[in-house]
Amino acid sequence: MSIDLQKAADVAKLARIRVEDHMLPELAREFNEILGFIEQLNEVDVEGVEPMVSVTPMPLRRRADEVTDGNMRSRILSNAPDAREGFFVVPKVVE
């Protein structure tokens, strides 16, 4: 896959990045370098390689999966513009 000037301009527009016209050839070249590197990665044989979370082997710390209410109702409701009887009060949206 190759990125031309129009495609580079389209990507910049989608990313909401203002790129001057004279910079489009450089941007397209950089995109093509990135895509070339990705193509190289696709050629690597990873059959039988386990996914890693770190470059050094380490077990993941786990916590008990317990359902709690967080014990923070009053702190959470203190941020609400209007709260009554332990709940957020919101404007009526359905008639």
PDB file of N, CA and C in Angstrom:
ATOM      1  N   MET A   1       0.847  -1.175   0.000  1.00  0.00           N
ATOM      2  CA  MET A   1       0.000   0.000   0.000  1.00  0.00           C
ATOM      3  C   MET A   1       0.890   1.235   0.000  1.00  0.00           C
ATOM      4  N   SER A   2       0.480   2.217  -0.763  1.00  0.00           N
ATOM      5  CA  SER A   2       1.257   3.439  -0.862  1.00  0.00           C
ATOM      6  C   SER A   2       0.339   4.631  -0.635  1.00  0.00           C
ATOM      7  N   ILE A   3       0.837   5.602   0.099  1.00  0.00           N
ATOM      8  CA  ILE A   3       0.078   6.810   0.396  1.00  0.00           C
ATOM      9  C   ILE A   3       0.515   7.919  -0.547  1.00  0.00           C
ATOM     10  N   ASP A   4      -0.432   8.459  -1.317  1.00  0.00           N
ATOM     11  CA  ASP A   4      -0.109   9.578  -2.200  1.00  0.00           C
ATOM     12  C   ASP A   4      -0.460  10.887  -1.489  1.00  0.00           C
ATOM     13  N   LEU A   5      -0.247  12.003  -2.169  1.00  0.00           N
ATOM     14  CA  LEU A   5      -0.475  13.313  -1.556  1.00  0.00           C
ATOM     15  C   LEU A   5      -1.940  13.521  -1.164  1.00  0.00           C
ATOM     16  N   GLN A   6      -2.855  13.064  -1.998  1.00  0.00           N
ATOM     17  CA  GLN A   6      -4.278  13.235  -1.696  1.00  0.00           C
ATOM     18  C   GLN A   6      -4.673  12.432  -0.464  1.00  0.00           C
ATOM     19  N   LYS A   7      -4.173  11.189  -0.378  1.00  0.00           N
ATOM     20  CA  LYS A   7      -4.488  10.346   0.781  1.00  0.00           C
ATOM     21  C   LYS A   7      -3.871  10.945   2.050  1.00  0.00           C
ATOM     22  N   ALA A   8      -2.665  11.500   1.956  1.00  0.00           N
ATOM     23  CA  ALA A   8      -2.036  12.144   3.111  1.00  0.00           C
ATOM     24  C   ALA A   8      -2.867  13.346   3.558  1.00  0.00           C
ATOM     25  N   ALA A   9      -3.376  14.114   2.609  1.00  0.00           N
ATOM     26  CA  ALA A   9      -4.226  15.254   2.944  1.00  0.00           C
ATOM     27  C   ALA A   9      -5.517  14.784   3.600  1.00  0.00           C
ATOM     28  N   ASP A  10      -6.083  13.687   3.104  1.00  0.00           N
ATOM     29  CA  ASP A  10      -7.312  13.141   3.685  1.00  0.00           C
ATOM     30  C   ASP A  10      -7.081  12.685   5.122  1.00  0.00           C
ATOM     31  N   VAL A  11      -5.965  12.012   5.366  1.00  0.00           N
ATOM     32  CA  VAL A  11      -5.660  11.535   6.718  1.00  0.00           C
ATOM     33  C   VAL A  11      -5.454  12.722   7.654  1.00  0.00           C
ATOM     34  N   ALA A  12      -4.755  13.741   7.185  1.00  0.00           N
ATOM     35  CA  ALA A  12      -4.540  14.927   8.009  1.00  0.00           C
ATOM     36  C   ALA A  12      -5.871  15.599   8.340  1.00  0.00           C
ATOM     37  N   LYS A  13      -6.767  15.644   7.374  1.00  0.00           N
ATOM     38  CA  LYS A  13      -8.074  16.252   7.611  1.00  0.00           C
ATOM     39  C   LYS A  13      -8.865  15.444   8.633  1.00  0.00           C
ATOM     40  N   LEU A  14      -8.852  14.112   8.495  1.00  0.00           N
ATOM     41  CA  LEU A  14      -9.563  13.264   9.443  1.00  0.00           C
ATOM     42  C   LEU A  14      -8.994  13.396  10.856  1.00  0.00           C
ATOM     43  N   ALA A  15      -7.676  13.590  10.944  1.00  0.00           N
ATOM     44  CA  ALA A  15      -7.025  13.747  12.246  1.00  0.00           C
ATOM     45  C   ALA A  15      -7.123  15.184  12.754  1.00  0.00           C
ATOM     46  N   ARG A  16      -7.731  16.036  11.948  1.00  0.00           N
ATOM     47  CA  ARG A  16      -7.878  17.461  12.286  1.00  0.00           C
ATOM     48  C   ARG A  16      -6.525  18.118  12.529  1.00  0.00           C
ATOM     49  N   ILE A  17      -5.601  17.789  11.628  1.00  0.00           N
ATOM     50  CA  ILE A  17      -4.267  18.375  11.673  1.00  0.00           C
ATOM     51  C   ILE A  17      -4.119  19.269  10.454  1.00  0.00           C
ATOM     52  N   ARG A  18      -3.786  20.524  10.660  1.00  0.00           N
ATOM     53  CA  ARG A  18      -3.581  21.421   9.539  1.00  0.00           C
ATOM     54  C   ARG A  18      -2.182  21.181   8.973  1.00  0.00           C
ATOM     55  N   VAL A  19      -2.121  20.804   7.705  1.00  0.00           N
ATOM     56  CA  VAL A  19      -0.845  20.554   7.034  1.00  0.00           C
ATOM     57  C   VAL A  19      -0.804  21.441   5.799  1.00  0.00           C
ATOM     58  N   GLU A  20       0.210  22.266   5.726  1.00  0.00           N
ATOM     59  CA  GLU A  20       0.378  23.127   4.554  1.00  0.00           C
ATOM     60  C   GLU A  20       0.680  22.265   3.330  1.00  0.00           C
ATOM     61  N   ASP A  21       0.291  22.756   2.169  1.00  0.00           N
ATOM     62  CA  ASP A  21       0.465  21.987   0.932  1.00  0.00           C
ATOM     63  C   ASP A  21       1.923  21.597   0.680  1.00  0.00           C
ATOM     64  N   HIS A  22       2.858  22.467   1.029  1.00  0.00           N
ATOM     65  CA  HIS A  22       4.262  22.157   0.765  1.00  0.00           C
ATOM     66  C   HIS A  22       4.798  21.062   1.710  1.00  0.00           C
ATOM     67  N   MET A  23       4.052  20.751   2.784  1.00  0.00           N
ATOM     68  CA  MET A  23       4.476  19.708   3.723  1.00  0.00           C
ATOM     69  C   MET A  23       3.857  18.345   3.406  1.00  0.00           C
ATOM     70  N   LEU A  24       2.907  18.285   2.478  1.00  0.00           N
ATOM     71  CA  LEU A  24       2.245  17.025   2.156  1.00  0.00           C
ATOM     72  C   LEU A  24       3.191  15.950   1.628  1.00  0.00           C
ATOM     73  N   PRO A  25       4.167  16.284   0.762  1.00  0.00           N
ATOM     74  CA  PRO A  25       5.073  15.221   0.304  1.00  0.00           C
ATOM     75  C   PRO A  25       5.856  14.580   1.461  1.00  0.00           C
ATOM     76  N   GLU A  26       6.288  15.378   2.420  1.00  0.00           N
ATOM     77  CA  GLU A  26       7.016  14.839   3.577  1.00  0.00           C
ATOM     78  C   GLU A  26       6.100  13.961   4.431  1.00  0.00           C
ATOM     79  N   LEU A  27       4.855  14.402   4.622  1.00  0.00           N
ATOM     80  CA  LEU A  27       3.898  13.618   5.401  1.00  0.00           C
ATOM     81  C   LEU A  27       3.606  12.288   4.710  1.00  0.00           C
ATOM     82  N   ALA A  28       3.413  12.317   3.405  1.00  0.00           N
ATOM     83  CA  ALA A  28       3.167  11.088   2.658  1.00  0.00           C
ATOM     84  C   ALA A  28       4.360  10.143   2.764  1.00  0.00           C
ATOM     85  N   ARG A  29       5.577  10.694   2.699  1.00  0.00           N
ATOM     86  CA  ARG A  29       6.777   9.854   2.831  1.00  0.00           C
ATOM     87  C   ARG A  29       6.831   9.196   4.205  1.00  0.00           C
ATOM     88  N   GLU A  30       6.512   9.954   5.259  1.00  0.00           N
ATOM     89  CA  GLU A  30       6.524   9.394   6.607  1.00  0.00           C
ATOM     90  C   GLU A  30       5.462   8.311   6.766  1.00  0.00           C
ATOM     91  N   PHE A  31       4.274   8.543   6.220  1.00  0.00           N
ATOM     92  CA  PHE A  31       3.231   7.518   6.258  1.00  0.00           C
ATOM     93  C   PHE A  31       3.709   6.245   5.560  1.00  0.00           C
ATOM     94  N   ASN A  32       4.351   6.401   4.410  1.00  0.00           N
ATOM     95  CA  ASN A  32       4.827   5.232   3.676  1.00  0.00           C
ATOM     96  C   ASN A  32       5.910   4.485   4.451  1.00  0.00           C
ATOM     97  N   GLU A  33       6.772   5.205   5.172  1.00  0.00           N
ATOM     98  CA  GLU A  33       7.777   4.542   6.005  1.00  0.00           C
ATOM     99  C   GLU A  33       7.115   3.734   7.121  1.00  0.00           C
ATOM    100  N   ILE A  34       6.085   4.309   7.741  1.00  0.00           N
ATOM    101  CA  ILE A  34       5.367   3.605   8.803  1.00  0.00           C
ATOM    102  C   ILE A  34       4.703   2.344   8.251  1.00  0.00           C
ATOM    103  N   LEU A  35       4.050   2.475   7.104  1.00  0.00           N
ATOM    104  CA  LEU A  35       3.408   1.316   6.498  1.00  0.00           C
ATOM    105  C   LEU A  35       4.429   0.250   6.102  1.00  0.00           C
ATOM    106  N   GLY A  36       5.605   0.684   5.653  1.00  0.00           N
ATOM    107  CA  GLY A  36       6.664  -0.275   5.318  1.00  0.00           C
ATOM    108  C   GLY A  36       7.125  -1.039   6.545  1.00  0.00           C
ATOM    109  N   PHE A  37       7.240  -0.349   7.667  1.00  0.00           N
ATOM    110  CA  PHE A  37       7.636  -1.020   8.900  1.00  0.00           C
ATOM    111  C   PHE A  37       6.574  -2.016   9.338  1.00  0.00           C
ATOM    112  N   ILE A  38       5.305  -1.655   9.199  1.00  0.00           N
ATOM    113  CA  ILE A  38       4.218  -2.567   9.556  1.00  0.00           C
ATOM    114  C   ILE A  38       4.254  -3.804   8.664  1.00  0.00           C
ATOM    115  N   GLU A  39       4.548  -3.621   7.387  1.00  0.00           N
ATOM    116  CA  GLU A  39       4.663  -4.777   6.485  1.00  0.00           C
ATOM    117  C   GLU A  39       5.793  -5.689   6.919  1.00  0.00           C
ATOM    118  N   GLN A  40       6.907  -5.117   7.398  1.00  0.00           N
ATOM    119  CA  GLN A  40       8.005  -5.938   7.920  1.00  0.00           C
ATOM    120  C   GLN A  40       7.543  -6.734   9.135  1.00  0.00           C
ATOM    121  N   LEU A  41       6.777  -6.113  10.023  1.00  0.00           N
ATOM    122  CA  LEU A  41       6.291  -6.810  11.207  1.00  0.00           C
ATOM    123  C   LEU A  41       5.363  -7.958  10.840  1.00  0.00           C
ATOM    124  N   ASN A  42       4.593  -7.797   9.769  1.00  0.00           N
ATOM    125  CA  ASN A  42       3.695  -8.862   9.334  1.00  0.00           C
ATOM    126  C   ASN A  42       4.446 -10.094   8.849  1.00  0.00           C
ATOM    127  N   GLU A  43       5.712  -9.941   8.485  1.00  0.00           N
ATOM    128  CA  GLU A  43       6.498 -11.061   7.997  1.00  0.00           C
ATOM    129  C   GLU A  43       7.122 -11.884   9.124  1.00  0.00           C
ATOM    130  N   VAL A  44       7.070 -11.384  10.352  1.00  0.00           N
ATOM    131  CA  VAL A  44       7.682 -12.071  11.483  1.00  0.00           C
ATOM    132  C   VAL A  44       6.833 -13.272  11.871  1.00  0.00           C
ATOM    133  N   ASP A  45       7.492 -14.425  12.056  1.00  0.00           N
ATOM    134  CA  ASP A  45       6.795 -15.636  12.465  1.00  0.00           C
ATOM    135  C   ASP A  45       6.620 -15.613  13.976  1.00  0.00           C
ATOM    136  N   VAL A  46       5.374 -15.514  14.438  1.00  0.00           N
ATOM    137  CA  VAL A  46       5.089 -15.474  15.866  1.00  0.00           C
ATOM    138  C   VAL A  46       4.312 -16.710  16.310  1.00  0.00           C
ATOM    139  N   GLU A  47       4.344 -17.741  15.504  1.00  0.00           N
ATOM    140  CA  GLU A  47       3.656 -18.988  15.835  1.00  0.00           C
ATOM    141  C   GLU A  47       4.211 -19.556  17.137  1.00  0.00           C
ATOM    142  N   GLY A  48       3.350 -19.803  18.102  1.00  0.00           N
ATOM    143  CA  GLY A  48       3.756 -20.384  19.366  1.00  0.00           C
ATOM    144  C   GLY A  48       4.304 -19.388  20.375  1.00  0.00           C
ATOM    145  N   VAL A  49       4.318 -18.106  20.049  1.00  0.00           N
ATOM    146  CA  VAL A  49       4.820 -17.095  20.974  1.00  0.00           C
ATOM    147  C   VAL A  49       3.643 -16.591  21.806  1.00  0.00           C
ATOM    148  N   GLU A  50       3.777 -16.705  23.115  1.00  0.00           N
ATOM    149  CA  GLU A  50       2.713 -16.253  24.006  1.00  0.00           C
ATOM    150  C   GLU A  50       2.697 -14.729  24.095  1.00  0.00           C
ATOM    151  N   PRO A  51       1.518 -14.134  24.196  1.00  0.00           N
ATOM    152  CA  PRO A  51       1.436 -12.678  24.387  1.00  0.00           C
ATOM    153  C   PRO A  51       2.106 -12.278  25.693  1.00  0.00           C
ATOM    154  N   MET A  52       2.728 -11.103  25.691  1.00  0.00           N
ATOM    155  CA  MET A  52       3.433 -10.623  26.877  1.00  0.00           C
ATOM    156  C   MET A  52       2.850  -9.294  27.337  1.00  0.00           C
ATOM    157  N   VAL A  53       2.932  -9.053  28.636  1.00  0.00           N
ATOM    158  CA  VAL A  53       2.575  -7.744  29.168  1.00  0.00           C
ATOM    159  C   VAL A  53       3.814  -6.961  29.531  1.00  0.00           C
ATOM    160  N   SER A  54       4.966  -7.637  29.525  1.00  0.00           N
ATOM    161  CA  SER A  54       6.224  -6.995  29.878  1.00  0.00           C
ATOM    162  C   SER A  54       7.351  -7.771  29.193  1.00  0.00           C
ATOM    163  N   VAL A  55       8.508  -7.133  29.041  1.00  0.00           N
ATOM    164  CA  VAL A  55       9.643  -7.823  28.437  1.00  0.00           C
ATOM    165  C   VAL A  55      10.284  -8.787  29.420  1.00  0.00           C
ATOM    166  N   THR A  56       9.993  -8.614  30.702  1.00  0.00           N
ATOM    167  CA  THR A  56      10.494  -9.555  31.705  1.00  0.00           C
ATOM    168  C   THR A  56       9.325 -10.378  32.222  1.00  0.00           C
ATOM    169  N   PRO A  57       9.523 -11.672  32.390  1.00  0.00           N
ATOM    170  CA  PRO A  57       8.412 -12.504  32.868  1.00  0.00           C
ATOM    171  C   PRO A  57       7.990 -12.081  34.275  1.00  0.00           C
ATOM    172  N   MET A  58       6.722 -11.835  34.438  1.00  0.00           N
ATOM    173  CA  MET A  58       6.209 -11.473  35.751  1.00  0.00           C
ATOM    174  C   MET A  58       4.734 -11.824  35.824  1.00  0.00           C
ATOM    175  N   PRO A  59       4.309 -12.366  36.960  1.00  0.00           N
ATOM    176  CA  PRO A  59       2.887 -12.687  37.092  1.00  0.00           C
ATOM    177  C   PRO A  59       2.077 -11.411  37.289  1.00  0.00           C
ATOM    178  N   LEU A  60       0.868 -11.427  36.800  1.00  0.00           N
ATOM    179  CA  LEU A  60      -0.004 -10.281  36.989  1.00  0.00           C
ATOM    180  C   LEU A  60      -0.584 -10.317  38.396  1.00  0.00           C
ATOM    181  N   ARG A  61      -0.564  -9.173  39.054  1.00  0.00           N
ATOM    182  CA  ARG A  61      -1.196  -9.100  40.364  1.00  0.00           C
ATOM    183  C   ARG A  61      -2.700  -9.105  40.170  1.00  0.00           C
ATOM    184  N   ARG A  62      -3.361  -9.876  40.952  1.00  0.00           N
ATOM    185  CA  ARG A  62      -4.820  -9.978  40.835  1.00  0.00           C
ATOM    186  C   ARG A  62      -5.460  -9.575  42.151  1.00  0.00           C
ATOM    187  N   ARG A  63      -6.655  -9.070  42.039  1.00  0.00           N
ATOM    188  CA  ARG A  63      -7.424  -8.748  43.233  1.00  0.00           C
ATOM    189  C   ARG A  63      -8.708  -9.557  43.185  1.00  0.00           C
ATOM    190  N   ALA A  64      -9.306  -9.696  44.329  1.00  0.00           N
ATOM    191  CA  ALA A  64     -10.568 -10.433  44.384  1.00  0.00           C
ATOM    192  C   ALA A  64     -11.626  -9.669  43.605  1.00  0.00           C
ATOM    193  N   ASP A  65     -12.416 -10.389  42.835  1.00  0.00           N
ATOM    194  CA  ASP A  65     -13.477  -9.785  42.044  1.00  0.00           C
ATOM    195  C   ASP A  65     -14.735  -9.742  42.910  1.00  0.00           C
ATOM    196  N   GLU A  66     -14.846  -8.684  43.708  1.00  0.00           N
ATOM    197  CA  GLU A  66     -15.954  -8.552  44.635  1.00  0.00           C
ATOM    198  C   GLU A  66     -16.794  -7.343  44.254  1.00  0.00           C
ATOM    199  N   VAL A  67     -18.093  -7.514  44.293  1.00  0.00           N
ATOM    200  CA  VAL A  67     -19.013  -6.419  44.005  1.00  0.00           C
ATOM    201  C   VAL A  67     -19.215  -5.628  45.286  1.00  0.00           C
ATOM    202  N   THR A  68     -18.929  -4.328  45.215  1.00  0.00           N
ATOM    203  CA  THR A  68     -19.152  -3.451  46.362  1.00  0.00           C
ATOM    204  C   THR A  68     -19.823  -2.187  45.870  1.00  0.00           C
ATOM    205  N   ASP A  69     -20.345  -1.427  46.804  1.00  0.00           N
ATOM    206  CA  ASP A  69     -20.953  -0.149  46.409  1.00  0.00           C
ATOM    207  C   ASP A  69     -19.930   0.975  46.429  1.00  0.00           C
ATOM    208  N   GLY A  70     -18.702   0.667  46.812  1.00  0.00           N
ATOM    209  CA  GLY A  70     -17.641   1.658  46.825  1.00  0.00           C
ATOM    210  C   GLY A  70     -17.608   2.493  48.092  1.00  0.00           C
ATOM    211  N   ASN A  71     -18.687   2.450  48.856  1.00  0.00           N
ATOM    212  CA  ASN A  71     -18.773   3.207  50.105  1.00  0.00           C
ATOM    213  C   ASN A  71     -18.456   4.687  49.909  1.00  0.00           C
ATOM    214  N   MET A  72     -18.862   5.251  48.761  1.00  0.00           N
ATOM    215  CA  MET A  72     -18.573   6.658  48.486  1.00  0.00           C
ATOM    216  C   MET A  72     -19.814   7.411  48.013  1.00  0.00           C
ATOM    217  N   ARG A  73     -21.003   6.937  48.360  1.00  0.00           N
ATOM    218  CA  ARG A  73     -22.214   7.573  47.850  1.00  0.00           C
ATOM    219  C   ARG A  73     -22.235   9.066  48.166  1.00  0.00           C
ATOM    220  N   SER A  74     -21.944   9.445  49.393  1.00  0.00           N
ATOM    221  CA  SER A  74     -22.027  10.863  49.763  1.00  0.00           C
ATOM    222  C   SER A  74     -20.991  11.694  49.011  1.00  0.00           C
ATOM    223  N   ARG A  75     -19.788  11.160  48.790  1.00  0.00           N
ATOM    224  CA  ARG A  75     -18.766  11.901  48.043  1.00  0.00           C
ATOM    225  C   ARG A  75     -19.177  12.072  46.588  1.00  0.00           C
ATOM    226  N   ILE A  76     -19.748  11.033  46.012  1.00  0.00           N
ATOM    227  CA  ILE A  76     -20.160  11.103  44.603  1.00  0.00           C
ATOM    228  C   ILE A  76     -21.325  12.073  44.451  1.00  0.00           C
ATOM    229  N   LEU A  77     -22.305  11.965  45.325  1.00  0.00           N
ATOM    230  CA  LEU A  77     -23.465  12.842  45.215  1.00  0.00           C
ATOM    231  C   LEU A  77     -23.135  14.290  45.550  1.00  0.00           C
ATOM    232  N   SER A  78     -22.036  14.537  46.262  1.00  0.00           N
ATOM    233  CA  SER A  78     -21.661  15.919  46.559  1.00  0.00           C
ATOM    234  C   SER A  78     -21.285  16.688  45.294  1.00  0.00           C
ATOM    235  N   ASN A  79     -20.962  15.982  44.211  1.00  0.00           N
ATOM    236  CA  ASN A  79     -20.631  16.625  42.936  1.00  0.00           C
ATOM    237  C   ASN A  79     -21.864  16.962  42.111  1.00  0.00           C
ATOM    238  N   ALA A  80     -23.008  16.408  42.485  1.00  0.00           N
ATOM    239  CA  ALA A  80     -24.225  16.592  41.687  1.00  0.00           C
ATOM    240  C   ALA A  80     -24.822  17.968  41.941  1.00  0.00           C
ATOM    241  N   PRO A  81     -25.327  18.613  40.880  1.00  0.00           N
ATOM    242  CA  PRO A  81     -25.995  19.895  41.081  1.00  0.00           C
ATOM    243  C   PRO A  81     -27.279  19.741  41.903  1.00  0.00           C
ATOM    244  N   ASP A  82     -27.921  18.561  41.797  1.00  0.00           N
ATOM    245  CA  ASP A  82     -29.148  18.311  42.560  1.00  0.00           C
ATOM    246  C   ASP A  82     -29.205  16.821  42.885  1.00  0.00           C
ATOM    247  N   ALA A  83     -29.291  16.492  44.156  1.00  0.00           N
ATOM    248  CA  ALA A  83     -29.392  15.102  44.593  1.00  0.00           C
ATOM    249  C   ALA A  83     -30.430  15.027  45.695  1.00  0.00           C
ATOM    250  N   ARG A  84     -31.280  13.981  45.600  1.00  0.00           N
ATOM    251  CA  ARG A  84     -32.327  13.795  46.610  1.00  0.00           C
ATOM    252  C   ARG A  84     -32.433  12.322  46.956  1.00  0.00           C
ATOM    253  N   GLU A  85     -32.570  12.043  48.241  1.00  0.00           N
ATOM    254  CA  GLU A  85     -32.790  10.683  48.750  1.00  0.00           C
ATOM    255  C   GLU A  85     -31.735   9.709  48.241  1.00  0.00           C
ATOM    256  N   GLY A  86     -30.497  10.180  48.091  1.00  0.00           N
ATOM    257  CA  GLY A  86     -29.408   9.308  47.682  1.00  0.00           C
ATOM    258  C   GLY A  86     -29.305   9.068  46.181  1.00  0.00           C
ATOM    259  N   PHE A  87     -29.987   9.875  45.372  1.00  0.00           N
ATOM    260  CA  PHE A  87     -29.954   9.694  43.920  1.00  0.00           C
ATOM    261  C   PHE A  87     -29.674  11.028  43.224  1.00  0.00           C
ATOM    262  N   PHE A  88     -29.177  10.956  41.977  1.00  0.00           N
ATOM    263  CA  PHE A  88     -29.021  12.147  41.152  1.00  0.00           C
ATOM    264  C   PHE A  88     -30.415  12.570  40.678  1.00  0.00           C
ATOM    265  N   VAL A  89     -30.668  13.861  40.639  1.00  0.00           N
ATOM    266  CA  VAL A  89     -31.910  14.377  40.099  1.00  0.00           C
ATOM    267  C   VAL A  89     -31.585  14.959  38.733  1.00  0.00           C
ATOM    268  N   VAL A  90     -32.332  14.491  37.711  1.00  0.00           N
ATOM    269  CA  VAL A  90     -32.102  14.959  36.341  1.00  0.00           C
ATOM    270  C   VAL A  90     -33.415  15.498  35.784  1.00  0.00           C
ATOM    271  N   PRO A  91     -33.319  16.369  34.775  1.00  0.00           N
ATOM    272  CA  PRO A  91     -34.560  16.896  34.174  1.00  0.00           C
ATOM    273  C   PRO A  91     -35.355  15.793  33.491  1.00  0.00           C
ATOM    274  N   LYS A  92     -36.646  15.944  33.498  1.00  0.00           N
ATOM    275  CA  LYS A  92     -37.538  14.995  32.839  1.00  0.00           C
ATOM    276  C   LYS A  92     -37.324  15.110  31.329  1.00  0.00           C
ATOM    277  N   VAL A  93     -37.109  13.978  30.668  1.00  0.00           N
ATOM    278  CA  VAL A  93     -36.868  13.999  29.222  1.00  0.00           C
ATOM    279  C   VAL A  93     -37.945  13.250  28.450  1.00  0.00           C
ATOM    280  N   VAL A  94     -38.794  12.519  29.139  1.00  0.00           N
ATOM    281  CA  VAL A  94     -39.867  11.763  28.484  1.00  0.00           C
ATOM    282  C   VAL A  94     -41.199  12.225  29.060  1.00  0.00           C
ATOM    283  N   GLU A  95     -42.139  12.537  28.189  1.00  0.00           N
ATOM    284  CA  GLU A  95     -43.467  12.969  28.643  1.00  0.00           C
ATOM    285  C   GLU A  95     -44.328  11.775  28.951  1.00  0.00           C
TER     286      GLU A  95
END
